[in-house]
Amino acid sequence: MELPQSQQAILQRLKVRGPQSVKILANQLAITTMGVRQHIAELETRGFVAQTAETRQTRGRPVHYWQLTARGHQQFQDTHDECLTGLISAIELEHGESGLEQLVARQSQSLEQRYREELGTAGPELEVKLQRLAELRDADGFMAEIRLLPDGWMLIENHCPIMKAAQSCGQYCASELDMFRSLLDNAASVDRVDHVLAGARRCAYKICQL
């Protein structure tokens, strides 16, 4: 059954921003706190959200935050996961691990070339290039965004549409980091600071201008 629009918006917000309180969700989505509580209750019943541990404040009552469960995250999974995972297994069986790594490397090179051509039209400013890179990743299903930091930027991927493939082949994650570094070579340093496969809710890359 398809979820109501307000519940989809709540799941989307928790996916992109992480654990949130009812009050914050109400302010962000322009819904009454009572309405958010009702939607949250339904989402909890369906197993899409769960409460985090209490967060104590300096004053007042402890604040309860809500976060996506594993089932909640599955609402954003790519429908081609199973097919891609099966293909990876078949390639590795036929050509071995080295053959699979070579195939992933060629795929990454092709993707990098496409991104490089797009970034070449974005102008020389690093921030403009990063915004365009985030747009490209977002269009490819990674729910990507750029956030400004005091000492650089953060490229955040709130969703991994190839999660199962990455779990089957670590070369995908290594290739992604290498691609970002290559695209921004001589302009910025790139370091992965959050990694879904390491237990984080997202992948994030800190980017600092050289």
N, C-alpha and C. Protein backbone atom coordinates (compact mmCIF):
# COMPACT_ATOMS: atom_id res chain seq x y z
N MET A 1 0.85 -1.20 0.00
CA MET A 1 0.00 0.00 0.00
C MET A 1 0.89 1.25 0.00
N GLU A 2 0.56 2.19 -0.86
CA GLU A 2 1.33 3.42 -0.94
C GLU A 2 1.02 4.30 0.27
N LEU A 3 2.06 4.88 0.82
CA LEU A 3 1.90 5.72 2.01
C LEU A 3 1.31 7.08 1.63
N PRO A 4 0.57 7.69 2.56
CA PRO A 4 0.08 9.06 2.33
C PRO A 4 1.26 10.00 2.12
N GLN A 5 1.00 11.10 1.44
CA GLN A 5 2.05 12.06 1.08
C GLN A 5 2.78 12.59 2.31
N SER A 6 2.04 12.88 3.39
CA SER A 6 2.67 13.42 4.60
C SER A 6 3.62 12.40 5.22
N GLN A 7 3.25 11.14 5.19
CA GLN A 7 4.12 10.10 5.75
C GLN A 7 5.35 9.89 4.86
N GLN A 8 5.17 9.98 3.57
CA GLN A 8 6.32 9.91 2.66
C GLN A 8 7.28 11.07 2.92
N ALA A 9 6.72 12.26 3.19
CA ALA A 9 7.55 13.42 3.47
C ALA A 9 8.34 13.23 4.76
N ILE A 10 7.73 12.62 5.76
CA ILE A 10 8.42 12.36 7.03
C ILE A 10 9.56 11.38 6.81
N LEU A 11 9.31 10.31 6.07
CA LEU A 11 10.37 9.34 5.78
C LEU A 11 11.51 9.99 5.00
N GLN A 12 11.15 10.82 4.04
CA GLN A 12 12.16 11.52 3.24
C GLN A 12 13.02 12.42 4.12
N ARG A 13 12.38 13.10 5.05
CA ARG A 13 13.12 14.02 5.93
C ARG A 13 14.05 13.24 6.85
N LEU A 14 13.59 12.13 7.38
CA LEU A 14 14.43 11.31 8.26
C LEU A 14 15.58 10.69 7.48
N LYS A 15 15.35 10.39 6.22
CA LYS A 15 16.40 9.82 5.38
C LYS A 15 17.49 10.84 5.13
N VAL A 16 17.10 12.07 4.84
CA VAL A 16 18.06 13.10 4.45
C VAL A 16 18.72 13.76 5.65
N ARG A 17 17.96 13.95 6.73
CA ARG A 17 18.48 14.72 7.87
C ARG A 17 18.77 13.87 9.11
N GLY A 18 18.47 12.58 9.06
CA GLY A 18 18.74 11.75 10.22
C GLY A 18 17.67 11.91 11.29
N PRO A 19 17.93 11.41 12.52
CA PRO A 19 16.92 11.46 13.59
C PRO A 19 16.40 12.87 13.84
N GLN A 20 15.07 12.97 14.00
CA GLN A 20 14.42 14.27 14.20
C GLN A 20 13.36 14.14 15.30
N SER A 21 13.10 15.23 15.97
CA SER A 21 12.02 15.26 16.96
C SER A 21 10.70 15.58 16.26
N VAL A 22 9.61 15.32 16.95
CA VAL A 22 8.29 15.64 16.40
C VAL A 22 8.18 17.14 16.15
N LYS A 23 8.68 17.94 17.07
CA LYS A 23 8.60 19.40 16.93
C LYS A 23 9.36 19.88 15.70
N ILE A 24 10.56 19.34 15.50
CA ILE A 24 11.36 19.74 14.34
C ILE A 24 10.66 19.32 13.05
N LEU A 25 10.14 18.12 13.01
CA LEU A 25 9.42 17.64 11.82
C LEU A 25 8.21 18.52 11.53
N ALA A 26 7.50 18.90 12.57
CA ALA A 26 6.32 19.75 12.38
C ALA A 26 6.71 21.09 11.78
N ASN A 27 7.79 21.68 12.27
CA ASN A 27 8.25 22.97 11.74
C ASN A 27 8.74 22.85 10.31
N GLN A 28 9.48 21.78 10.00
CA GLN A 28 10.05 21.61 8.68
C GLN A 28 9.00 21.32 7.62
N LEU A 29 7.97 20.57 8.00
CA LEU A 29 6.99 20.10 7.03
C LEU A 29 5.67 20.87 7.09
N ALA A 30 5.61 21.89 7.99
CA ALA A 30 4.40 22.71 8.12
C ALA A 30 3.18 21.85 8.43
N ILE A 31 3.37 20.93 9.38
CA ILE A 31 2.29 20.08 9.87
C ILE A 31 2.18 20.31 11.37
N THR A 32 1.00 20.20 11.94
CA THR A 32 0.86 20.37 13.39
C THR A 32 1.60 19.24 14.10
N THR A 33 2.03 19.50 15.33
CA THR A 33 2.71 18.45 16.09
C THR A 33 1.79 17.25 16.31
N MET A 34 0.49 17.52 16.51
CA MET A 34 -0.46 16.42 16.67
C MET A 34 -0.53 15.57 15.39
N GLY A 35 -0.52 16.25 14.24
CA GLY A 35 -0.54 15.53 12.97
C GLY A 35 0.70 14.69 12.79
N VAL A 36 1.86 15.25 13.13
CA VAL A 36 3.11 14.49 13.01
C VAL A 36 3.07 13.27 13.93
N ARG A 37 2.59 13.45 15.16
CA ARG A 37 2.52 12.33 16.10
C ARG A 37 1.64 11.21 15.56
N GLN A 38 0.53 11.57 14.93
CA GLN A 38 -0.37 10.56 14.36
C GLN A 38 0.32 9.82 13.23
N HIS A 39 1.00 10.56 12.35
CA HIS A 39 1.71 9.91 11.24
C HIS A 39 2.84 9.03 11.76
N ILE A 40 3.58 9.53 12.75
CA ILE A 40 4.68 8.76 13.32
C ILE A 40 4.17 7.47 13.94
N ALA A 41 3.03 7.56 14.62
CA ALA A 41 2.45 6.37 15.25
C ALA A 41 2.13 5.30 14.21
N GLU A 42 1.57 5.73 13.08
CA GLU A 42 1.26 4.78 12.00
C GLU A 42 2.53 4.20 11.39
N LEU A 43 3.53 5.06 11.19
CA LEU A 43 4.80 4.60 10.62
C LEU A 43 5.50 3.63 11.57
N GLU A 44 5.39 3.89 12.87
CA GLU A 44 6.00 2.98 13.85
C GLU A 44 5.29 1.63 13.83
N THR A 45 3.96 1.66 13.73
CA THR A 45 3.19 0.42 13.67
C THR A 45 3.59 -0.43 12.47
N ARG A 46 3.88 0.24 11.36
CA ARG A 46 4.29 -0.48 10.15
C ARG A 46 5.77 -0.85 10.16
N GLY A 47 6.48 -0.41 11.18
CA GLY A 47 7.88 -0.79 11.30
C GLY A 47 8.85 0.07 10.51
N PHE A 48 8.41 1.27 10.09
CA PHE A 48 9.26 2.14 9.28
C PHE A 48 10.13 3.07 10.12
N VAL A 49 9.68 3.40 11.34
CA VAL A 49 10.43 4.31 12.19
C VAL A 49 10.50 3.74 13.60
N ALA A 50 11.46 4.23 14.37
CA ALA A 50 11.60 3.84 15.77
C ALA A 50 12.21 4.99 16.54
N GLN A 51 11.96 5.00 17.85
CA GLN A 51 12.51 6.05 18.70
C GLN A 51 13.98 5.77 19.00
N THR A 52 14.75 6.84 19.09
CA THR A 52 16.12 6.72 19.56
C THR A 52 16.10 6.81 21.09
N ALA A 53 17.25 6.67 21.70
CA ALA A 53 17.34 6.87 23.14
C ALA A 53 17.03 8.32 23.47
N GLU A 54 16.56 8.55 24.69
CA GLU A 54 16.24 9.92 25.10
C GLU A 54 17.47 10.82 25.04
N THR A 55 17.26 12.05 24.58
CA THR A 55 18.32 13.05 24.58
C THR A 55 17.99 14.09 25.63
N ARG A 56 18.79 14.14 26.66
CA ARG A 56 18.51 15.07 27.77
C ARG A 56 18.99 16.47 27.42
N GLN A 57 18.18 17.45 27.79
CA GLN A 57 18.51 18.84 27.55
C GLN A 57 18.90 19.51 28.87
N THR A 58 19.47 20.70 28.76
CA THR A 58 19.83 21.46 29.96
C THR A 58 18.59 21.78 30.78
N ARG A 59 17.51 22.11 30.07
CA ARG A 59 16.24 22.41 30.73
C ARG A 59 15.13 21.57 30.12
N GLY A 60 14.09 21.37 30.92
CA GLY A 60 12.90 20.71 30.40
C GLY A 60 13.02 19.20 30.32
N ARG A 61 12.05 18.61 29.69
CA ARG A 61 11.98 17.15 29.58
C ARG A 61 12.99 16.63 28.55
N PRO A 62 13.36 15.37 28.67
CA PRO A 62 14.20 14.76 27.64
C PRO A 62 13.46 14.77 26.29
N VAL A 63 14.20 14.91 25.22
CA VAL A 63 13.61 14.96 23.88
C VAL A 63 13.72 13.59 23.23
N HIS A 64 12.62 13.14 22.63
CA HIS A 64 12.62 11.87 21.90
C HIS A 64 12.81 12.16 20.41
N TYR A 65 13.73 11.47 19.80
CA TYR A 65 13.97 11.60 18.37
C TYR A 65 13.51 10.33 17.66
N TRP A 66 13.12 10.51 16.41
CA TRP A 66 12.66 9.38 15.59
C TRP A 66 13.63 9.17 14.44
N GLN A 67 13.85 7.92 14.10
CA GLN A 67 14.77 7.58 13.02
C GLN A 67 14.19 6.45 12.18
N LEU A 68 14.73 6.28 10.98
CA LEU A 68 14.29 5.19 10.12
C LEU A 68 14.80 3.86 10.66
N THR A 69 13.97 2.84 10.54
CA THR A 69 14.41 1.47 10.82
C THR A 69 15.01 0.89 9.53
N ALA A 70 15.50 -0.33 9.60
CA ALA A 70 16.01 -0.99 8.39
C ALA A 70 14.91 -1.07 7.34
N ARG A 71 13.68 -1.34 7.79
CA ARG A 71 12.56 -1.41 6.85
C ARG A 71 12.27 -0.04 6.25
N GLY A 72 12.45 1.01 7.06
CA GLY A 72 12.24 2.36 6.56
C GLY A 72 13.25 2.71 5.48
N HIS A 73 14.51 2.34 5.70
CA HIS A 73 15.54 2.59 4.69
C HIS A 73 15.24 1.81 3.40
N GLN A 74 14.61 0.66 3.53
CA GLN A 74 14.31 -0.15 2.35
C GLN A 74 13.31 0.51 1.43
N GLN A 75 12.57 1.50 1.93
CA GLN A 75 11.62 2.22 1.09
C GLN A 75 12.33 3.01 0.00
N PHE A 76 13.65 3.21 0.16
CA PHE A 76 14.42 3.99 -0.80
C PHE A 76 15.35 3.12 -1.63
N GLN A 77 15.29 1.82 -1.47
CA GLN A 77 16.20 0.95 -2.19
C GLN A 77 15.89 0.93 -3.67
N ASP A 78 16.95 0.72 -4.46
CA ASP A 78 16.80 0.66 -5.91
C ASP A 78 16.20 -0.69 -6.31
N THR A 79 15.29 -0.67 -7.26
CA THR A 79 14.60 -1.90 -7.67
C THR A 79 15.50 -2.84 -8.45
N HIS A 80 16.69 -2.36 -8.87
CA HIS A 80 17.57 -3.21 -9.66
C HIS A 80 18.65 -3.89 -8.82
N ASP A 81 18.55 -3.76 -7.48
CA ASP A 81 19.57 -4.31 -6.59
C ASP A 81 19.80 -5.80 -6.81
N GLU A 82 18.73 -6.57 -6.81
CA GLU A 82 18.86 -8.03 -6.91
C GLU A 82 19.48 -8.43 -8.23
N CYS A 83 19.06 -7.77 -9.30
CA CYS A 83 19.59 -8.08 -10.62
C CYS A 83 21.08 -7.78 -10.68
N LEU A 84 21.49 -6.63 -10.14
CA LEU A 84 22.89 -6.24 -10.17
C LEU A 84 23.74 -7.17 -9.32
N THR A 85 23.23 -7.56 -8.16
CA THR A 85 23.97 -8.47 -7.29
C THR A 85 24.18 -9.82 -7.98
N GLY A 86 23.12 -10.30 -8.64
CA GLY A 86 23.25 -11.57 -9.37
C GLY A 86 24.25 -11.47 -10.49
N LEU A 87 24.28 -10.32 -11.17
CA LEU A 87 25.23 -10.12 -12.26
C LEU A 87 26.66 -10.11 -11.74
N ILE A 88 26.87 -9.47 -10.60
CA ILE A 88 28.20 -9.43 -9.99
C ILE A 88 28.68 -10.84 -9.66
N SER A 89 27.80 -11.64 -9.08
CA SER A 89 28.16 -13.02 -8.73
C SER A 89 28.52 -13.83 -9.97
N ALA A 90 27.76 -13.63 -11.04
CA ALA A 90 28.02 -14.37 -12.28
C ALA A 90 29.35 -13.96 -12.89
N ILE A 91 29.65 -12.67 -12.88
CA ILE A 91 30.91 -12.18 -13.45
C ILE A 91 32.10 -12.70 -12.65
N GLU A 92 31.96 -12.67 -11.32
CA GLU A 92 33.06 -13.15 -10.48
C GLU A 92 33.27 -14.64 -10.66
N LEU A 93 32.19 -15.39 -10.83
CA LEU A 93 32.30 -16.83 -11.04
C LEU A 93 32.97 -17.14 -12.37
N GLU A 94 32.66 -16.34 -13.38
CA GLU A 94 33.17 -16.58 -14.74
C GLU A 94 34.59 -16.05 -14.92
N HIS A 95 34.88 -14.87 -14.34
CA HIS A 95 36.16 -14.21 -14.63
C HIS A 95 37.04 -14.01 -13.40
N GLY A 96 36.56 -14.40 -12.23
CA GLY A 96 37.35 -14.25 -11.02
C GLY A 96 37.28 -12.85 -10.45
N GLU A 97 37.88 -12.69 -9.28
CA GLU A 97 37.83 -11.39 -8.60
C GLU A 97 38.55 -10.30 -9.39
N SER A 98 39.68 -10.64 -9.99
CA SER A 98 40.42 -9.63 -10.75
C SER A 98 39.62 -9.18 -11.97
N GLY A 99 38.91 -10.11 -12.60
CA GLY A 99 38.08 -9.74 -13.75
C GLY A 99 36.95 -8.82 -13.34
N LEU A 100 36.36 -9.07 -12.17
CA LEU A 100 35.30 -8.22 -11.67
C LEU A 100 35.83 -6.82 -11.37
N GLU A 101 37.01 -6.75 -10.75
CA GLU A 101 37.60 -5.44 -10.43
C GLU A 101 37.90 -4.64 -11.69
N GLN A 102 38.35 -5.32 -12.73
CA GLN A 102 38.64 -4.63 -13.99
C GLN A 102 37.35 -4.08 -14.61
N LEU A 103 36.29 -4.86 -14.51
CA LEU A 103 35.01 -4.41 -15.07
C LEU A 103 34.47 -3.20 -14.30
N VAL A 104 34.56 -3.23 -12.97
CA VAL A 104 34.12 -2.10 -12.16
C VAL A 104 34.96 -0.86 -12.46
N ALA A 105 36.27 -1.07 -12.65
CA ALA A 105 37.17 0.04 -12.96
C ALA A 105 36.80 0.69 -14.28
N ARG A 106 36.48 -0.12 -15.29
CA ARG A 106 36.09 0.44 -16.60
C ARG A 106 34.77 1.20 -16.48
N GLN A 107 33.86 0.64 -15.70
CA GLN A 107 32.57 1.31 -15.49
C GLN A 107 32.79 2.66 -14.80
N SER A 108 33.68 2.67 -13.80
CA SER A 108 33.97 3.91 -13.07
C SER A 108 34.63 4.93 -13.99
N GLN A 109 35.51 4.49 -14.86
CA GLN A 109 36.17 5.40 -15.80
C GLN A 109 35.16 6.05 -16.74
N SER A 110 34.20 5.26 -17.18
CA SER A 110 33.16 5.79 -18.06
C SER A 110 32.31 6.83 -17.34
N LEU A 111 31.97 6.53 -16.08
CA LEU A 111 31.18 7.47 -15.28
C LEU A 111 31.98 8.74 -15.02
N GLU A 112 33.26 8.58 -14.70
CA GLU A 112 34.10 9.74 -14.44
C GLU A 112 34.21 10.64 -15.67
N GLN A 113 34.31 10.04 -16.84
CA GLN A 113 34.41 10.82 -18.06
C GLN A 113 33.13 11.63 -18.29
N ARG A 114 31.98 11.02 -18.01
CA ARG A 114 30.71 11.73 -18.16
C ARG A 114 30.64 12.91 -17.19
N TYR A 115 31.03 12.67 -15.93
CA TYR A 115 31.02 13.74 -14.94
C TYR A 115 32.01 14.85 -15.31
N ARG A 116 33.19 14.45 -15.78
CA ARG A 116 34.21 15.43 -16.12
C ARG A 116 33.73 16.36 -17.22
N GLU A 117 33.04 15.81 -18.20
CA GLU A 117 32.51 16.64 -19.29
C GLU A 117 31.46 17.62 -18.76
N GLU A 118 30.62 17.15 -17.83
CA GLU A 118 29.60 18.02 -17.25
C GLU A 118 30.23 19.11 -16.39
N LEU A 119 31.23 18.74 -15.59
CA LEU A 119 31.88 19.72 -14.72
C LEU A 119 32.67 20.75 -15.52
N GLY A 120 33.11 20.36 -16.72
CA GLY A 120 33.86 21.27 -17.56
C GLY A 120 33.04 22.45 -18.02
N THR A 121 31.72 22.32 -17.99
CA THR A 121 30.83 23.41 -18.42
C THR A 121 30.30 24.21 -17.22
N ALA A 122 30.74 23.83 -16.00
CA ALA A 122 30.19 24.46 -14.80
C ALA A 122 30.91 25.72 -14.39
N GLY A 123 32.04 26.03 -15.03
CA GLY A 123 32.80 27.21 -14.63
C GLY A 123 33.97 26.83 -13.75
N PRO A 124 34.91 27.75 -13.53
CA PRO A 124 36.15 27.43 -12.82
C PRO A 124 36.02 27.40 -11.30
N GLU A 125 34.97 28.04 -10.73
CA GLU A 125 34.86 28.11 -9.27
C GLU A 125 34.59 26.73 -8.68
N LEU A 126 35.34 26.38 -7.64
CA LEU A 126 35.23 25.06 -7.03
C LEU A 126 33.83 24.81 -6.48
N GLU A 127 33.25 25.80 -5.81
CA GLU A 127 31.92 25.60 -5.22
C GLU A 127 30.88 25.33 -6.30
N VAL A 128 30.99 25.99 -7.43
CA VAL A 128 30.05 25.76 -8.53
C VAL A 128 30.21 24.34 -9.06
N LYS A 129 31.45 23.89 -9.19
CA LYS A 129 31.69 22.51 -9.64
C LYS A 129 31.11 21.50 -8.66
N LEU A 130 31.27 21.77 -7.37
CA LEU A 130 30.75 20.85 -6.36
C LEU A 130 29.22 20.79 -6.39
N GLN A 131 28.59 21.92 -6.60
CA GLN A 131 27.14 21.94 -6.71
C GLN A 131 26.69 21.11 -7.92
N ARG A 132 27.44 21.24 -9.02
CA ARG A 132 27.09 20.47 -10.22
C ARG A 132 27.34 18.99 -10.00
N LEU A 133 28.41 18.65 -9.29
CA LEU A 133 28.69 17.25 -8.99
C LEU A 133 27.58 16.65 -8.14
N ALA A 134 27.11 17.41 -7.16
CA ALA A 134 26.00 16.94 -6.32
C ALA A 134 24.74 16.73 -7.15
N GLU A 135 24.50 17.61 -8.10
CA GLU A 135 23.33 17.47 -8.98
C GLU A 135 23.43 16.19 -9.81
N LEU A 136 24.63 15.90 -10.29
CA LEU A 136 24.85 14.70 -11.09
C LEU A 136 24.64 13.44 -10.25
N ARG A 137 25.18 13.44 -9.04
CA ARG A 137 25.01 12.29 -8.17
C ARG A 137 23.54 12.13 -7.76
N ASP A 138 22.87 13.25 -7.54
CA ASP A 138 21.46 13.21 -7.18
C ASP A 138 20.64 12.61 -8.32
N ALA A 139 20.95 13.01 -9.54
CA ALA A 139 20.24 12.48 -10.71
C ALA A 139 20.48 10.98 -10.87
N ASP A 140 21.62 10.50 -10.37
CA ASP A 140 21.94 9.07 -10.46
C ASP A 140 21.40 8.28 -9.27
N GLY A 141 20.60 8.94 -8.43
CA GLY A 141 19.89 8.21 -7.38
C GLY A 141 20.52 8.23 -6.00
N PHE A 142 21.54 9.08 -5.78
CA PHE A 142 22.24 9.07 -4.50
C PHE A 142 21.70 10.09 -3.50
N MET A 143 20.65 10.81 -3.83
CA MET A 143 20.07 11.82 -2.95
C MET A 143 21.18 12.71 -2.40
N ALA A 144 21.97 13.27 -3.30
CA ALA A 144 23.19 14.00 -2.93
C ALA A 144 22.92 15.48 -2.70
N GLU A 145 23.77 16.06 -1.87
CA GLU A 145 23.70 17.50 -1.59
C GLU A 145 25.08 17.98 -1.16
N ILE A 146 25.27 19.30 -1.26
CA ILE A 146 26.52 19.94 -0.81
C ILE A 146 26.18 20.85 0.36
N ARG A 147 26.98 20.75 1.41
CA ARG A 147 26.81 21.65 2.56
C ARG A 147 28.13 22.40 2.79
N LEU A 148 28.01 23.68 3.06
CA LEU A 148 29.18 24.51 3.32
C LEU A 148 29.65 24.31 4.76
N LEU A 149 30.96 24.14 4.93
CA LEU A 149 31.58 24.02 6.24
C LEU A 149 32.48 25.22 6.48
N PRO A 150 32.87 25.48 7.72
CA PRO A 150 33.79 26.59 7.99
C PRO A 150 35.12 26.45 7.25
N ASP A 151 35.54 25.20 7.00
CA ASP A 151 36.83 24.98 6.35
C ASP A 151 36.73 24.19 5.05
N GLY A 152 35.56 24.24 4.42
CA GLY A 152 35.42 23.52 3.15
C GLY A 152 33.97 23.21 2.86
N TRP A 153 33.72 22.01 2.32
CA TRP A 153 32.38 21.58 1.97
C TRP A 153 32.20 20.11 2.34
N MET A 154 30.96 19.70 2.42
CA MET A 154 30.64 18.30 2.62
C MET A 154 29.74 17.83 1.48
N LEU A 155 30.20 16.83 0.75
CA LEU A 155 29.37 16.18 -0.27
C LEU A 155 28.70 14.99 0.41
N ILE A 156 27.39 15.05 0.50
CA ILE A 156 26.64 14.03 1.24
C ILE A 156 25.77 13.23 0.27
N GLU A 157 25.84 11.92 0.41
CA GLU A 157 24.98 11.01 -0.34
C GLU A 157 24.06 10.32 0.67
N ASN A 158 22.80 10.75 0.70
CA ASN A 158 21.85 10.25 1.69
C ASN A 158 21.29 8.89 1.35
N HIS A 159 21.57 8.41 0.16
CA HIS A 159 21.05 7.11 -0.27
C HIS A 159 22.06 6.44 -1.17
N CYS A 160 22.14 5.12 -1.08
CA CYS A 160 23.01 4.36 -1.98
C CYS A 160 22.16 3.42 -2.82
N PRO A 161 21.92 3.76 -4.09
CA PRO A 161 21.08 2.92 -4.94
C PRO A 161 21.74 1.61 -5.36
N ILE A 162 23.04 1.47 -5.05
CA ILE A 162 23.75 0.22 -5.39
C ILE A 162 24.28 -0.44 -4.12
N MET A 163 23.53 -0.32 -3.03
CA MET A 163 23.97 -0.80 -1.73
C MET A 163 24.35 -2.28 -1.76
N LYS A 164 23.48 -3.11 -2.29
CA LYS A 164 23.76 -4.55 -2.29
C LYS A 164 24.95 -4.88 -3.18
N ALA A 165 25.09 -4.14 -4.27
CA ALA A 165 26.24 -4.36 -5.14
C ALA A 165 27.52 -3.97 -4.41
N ALA A 166 27.49 -2.87 -3.68
CA ALA A 166 28.66 -2.43 -2.93
C ALA A 166 29.02 -3.42 -1.83
N GLN A 167 28.00 -4.02 -1.22
CA GLN A 167 28.25 -5.03 -0.20
C GLN A 167 28.90 -6.27 -0.80
N SER A 168 28.56 -6.57 -2.05
CA SER A 168 29.11 -7.74 -2.73
C SER A 168 30.50 -7.48 -3.30
N CYS A 169 30.77 -6.20 -3.62
CA CYS A 169 32.04 -5.85 -4.26
C CYS A 169 32.54 -4.52 -3.70
N GLY A 170 33.55 -4.57 -2.84
CA GLY A 170 34.08 -3.38 -2.22
C GLY A 170 34.72 -2.42 -3.20
N GLN A 171 34.99 -2.89 -4.42
CA GLN A 171 35.62 -2.05 -5.42
C GLN A 171 34.73 -0.86 -5.79
N TYR A 172 33.42 -1.02 -5.65
CA TYR A 172 32.51 0.08 -5.97
C TYR A 172 32.79 1.29 -5.08
N CYS A 173 32.95 1.06 -3.78
CA CYS A 173 33.20 2.16 -2.84
C CYS A 173 34.58 2.77 -3.07
N ALA A 174 35.56 1.91 -3.29
CA ALA A 174 36.92 2.42 -3.54
C ALA A 174 36.95 3.25 -4.81
N SER A 175 36.24 2.80 -5.83
CA SER A 175 36.21 3.52 -7.10
C SER A 175 35.52 4.87 -6.96
N GLU A 176 34.49 4.94 -6.12
CA GLU A 176 33.79 6.20 -5.93
C GLU A 176 34.72 7.25 -5.32
N LEU A 177 35.44 6.88 -4.28
CA LEU A 177 36.38 7.82 -3.65
C LEU A 177 37.48 8.23 -4.63
N ASP A 178 38.02 7.26 -5.35
CA ASP A 178 39.06 7.57 -6.34
C ASP A 178 38.54 8.52 -7.42
N MET A 179 37.28 8.32 -7.83
CA MET A 179 36.69 9.17 -8.87
C MET A 179 36.56 10.61 -8.39
N PHE A 180 36.07 10.80 -7.17
CA PHE A 180 35.93 12.16 -6.65
C PHE A 180 37.29 12.85 -6.56
N ARG A 181 38.28 12.11 -6.09
CA ARG A 181 39.62 12.69 -5.98
C ARG A 181 40.18 13.04 -7.35
N SER A 182 39.93 12.20 -8.33
CA SER A 182 40.42 12.47 -9.67
C SER A 182 39.73 13.69 -10.29
N LEU A 183 38.42 13.78 -10.09
CA LEU A 183 37.66 14.90 -10.65
C LEU A 183 38.09 16.24 -10.07
N LEU A 184 38.52 16.21 -8.80
CA LEU A 184 38.90 17.46 -8.12
C LEU A 184 40.40 17.58 -7.92
N ASP A 185 41.15 16.80 -8.66
CA ASP A 185 42.61 16.80 -8.55
C ASP A 185 43.17 18.20 -8.78
N ASN A 186 44.16 18.56 -7.96
CA ASN A 186 44.83 19.87 -8.02
C ASN A 186 43.94 21.03 -7.58
N ALA A 187 42.71 20.73 -7.19
CA ALA A 187 41.80 21.79 -6.74
C ALA A 187 41.37 21.60 -5.28
N ALA A 188 41.23 20.35 -4.86
CA ALA A 188 40.73 20.10 -3.50
C ALA A 188 41.14 18.70 -3.03
N SER A 189 41.20 18.55 -1.72
CA SER A 189 41.40 17.23 -1.13
C SER A 189 40.03 16.63 -0.84
N VAL A 190 39.93 15.32 -0.89
CA VAL A 190 38.66 14.63 -0.66
C VAL A 190 38.89 13.48 0.32
N ASP A 191 38.14 13.48 1.41
CA ASP A 191 38.25 12.40 2.39
C ASP A 191 36.87 11.91 2.76
N ARG A 192 36.69 10.59 2.79
CA ARG A 192 35.40 10.03 3.20
C ARG A 192 35.34 10.04 4.73
N VAL A 193 34.30 10.69 5.26
CA VAL A 193 34.16 10.81 6.71
C VAL A 193 32.98 9.99 7.26
N ASP A 194 32.04 9.62 6.41
CA ASP A 194 30.94 8.72 6.78
C ASP A 194 30.81 7.67 5.69
N HIS A 195 30.53 6.44 6.10
CA HIS A 195 30.45 5.35 5.12
C HIS A 195 29.33 4.40 5.53
N VAL A 196 28.39 4.21 4.65
CA VAL A 196 27.25 3.35 4.94
C VAL A 196 27.70 1.94 5.31
N LEU A 197 28.66 1.41 4.60
CA LEU A 197 29.10 0.04 4.87
C LEU A 197 29.83 -0.10 6.19
N ALA A 198 30.20 1.05 6.78
CA ALA A 198 30.85 1.03 8.10
C ALA A 198 29.83 1.28 9.21
N GLY A 199 28.55 1.36 8.83
CA GLY A 199 27.50 1.52 9.82
C GLY A 199 26.88 2.90 9.88
N ALA A 200 27.37 3.85 9.09
CA ALA A 200 26.78 5.19 9.07
C ALA A 200 25.46 5.16 8.29
N ARG A 201 24.65 6.19 8.49
CA ARG A 201 23.35 6.24 7.78
C ARG A 201 23.50 6.80 6.38
N ARG A 202 24.71 7.29 6.04
CA ARG A 202 24.93 7.93 4.76
C ARG A 202 26.42 7.82 4.43
N CYS A 203 26.77 8.20 3.20
CA CYS A 203 28.17 8.39 2.84
C CYS A 203 28.40 9.89 2.72
N ALA A 204 29.53 10.35 3.26
CA ALA A 204 29.82 11.78 3.22
C ALA A 204 31.31 11.99 2.98
N TYR A 205 31.62 13.02 2.20
CA TYR A 205 32.99 13.32 1.82
C TYR A 205 33.32 14.77 2.17
N LYS A 206 34.38 14.96 2.97
CA LYS A 206 34.81 16.31 3.28
C LYS A 206 35.76 16.78 2.19
N ILE A 207 35.49 17.97 1.68
CA ILE A 207 36.26 18.52 0.56
C ILE A 207 36.85 19.86 0.98
N CYS A 208 38.16 19.97 0.88
CA CYS A 208 38.86 21.20 1.26
C CYS A 208 39.68 21.72 0.08
N GLN A 209 39.53 22.99 -0.19
CA GLN A 209 40.26 23.59 -1.31
C GLN A 209 41.75 23.63 -1.01
N LEU A 210 42.55 23.30 -2.02
CA LEU A 210 44.02 23.30 -1.86
C LEU A 210 44.58 24.71 -2.05
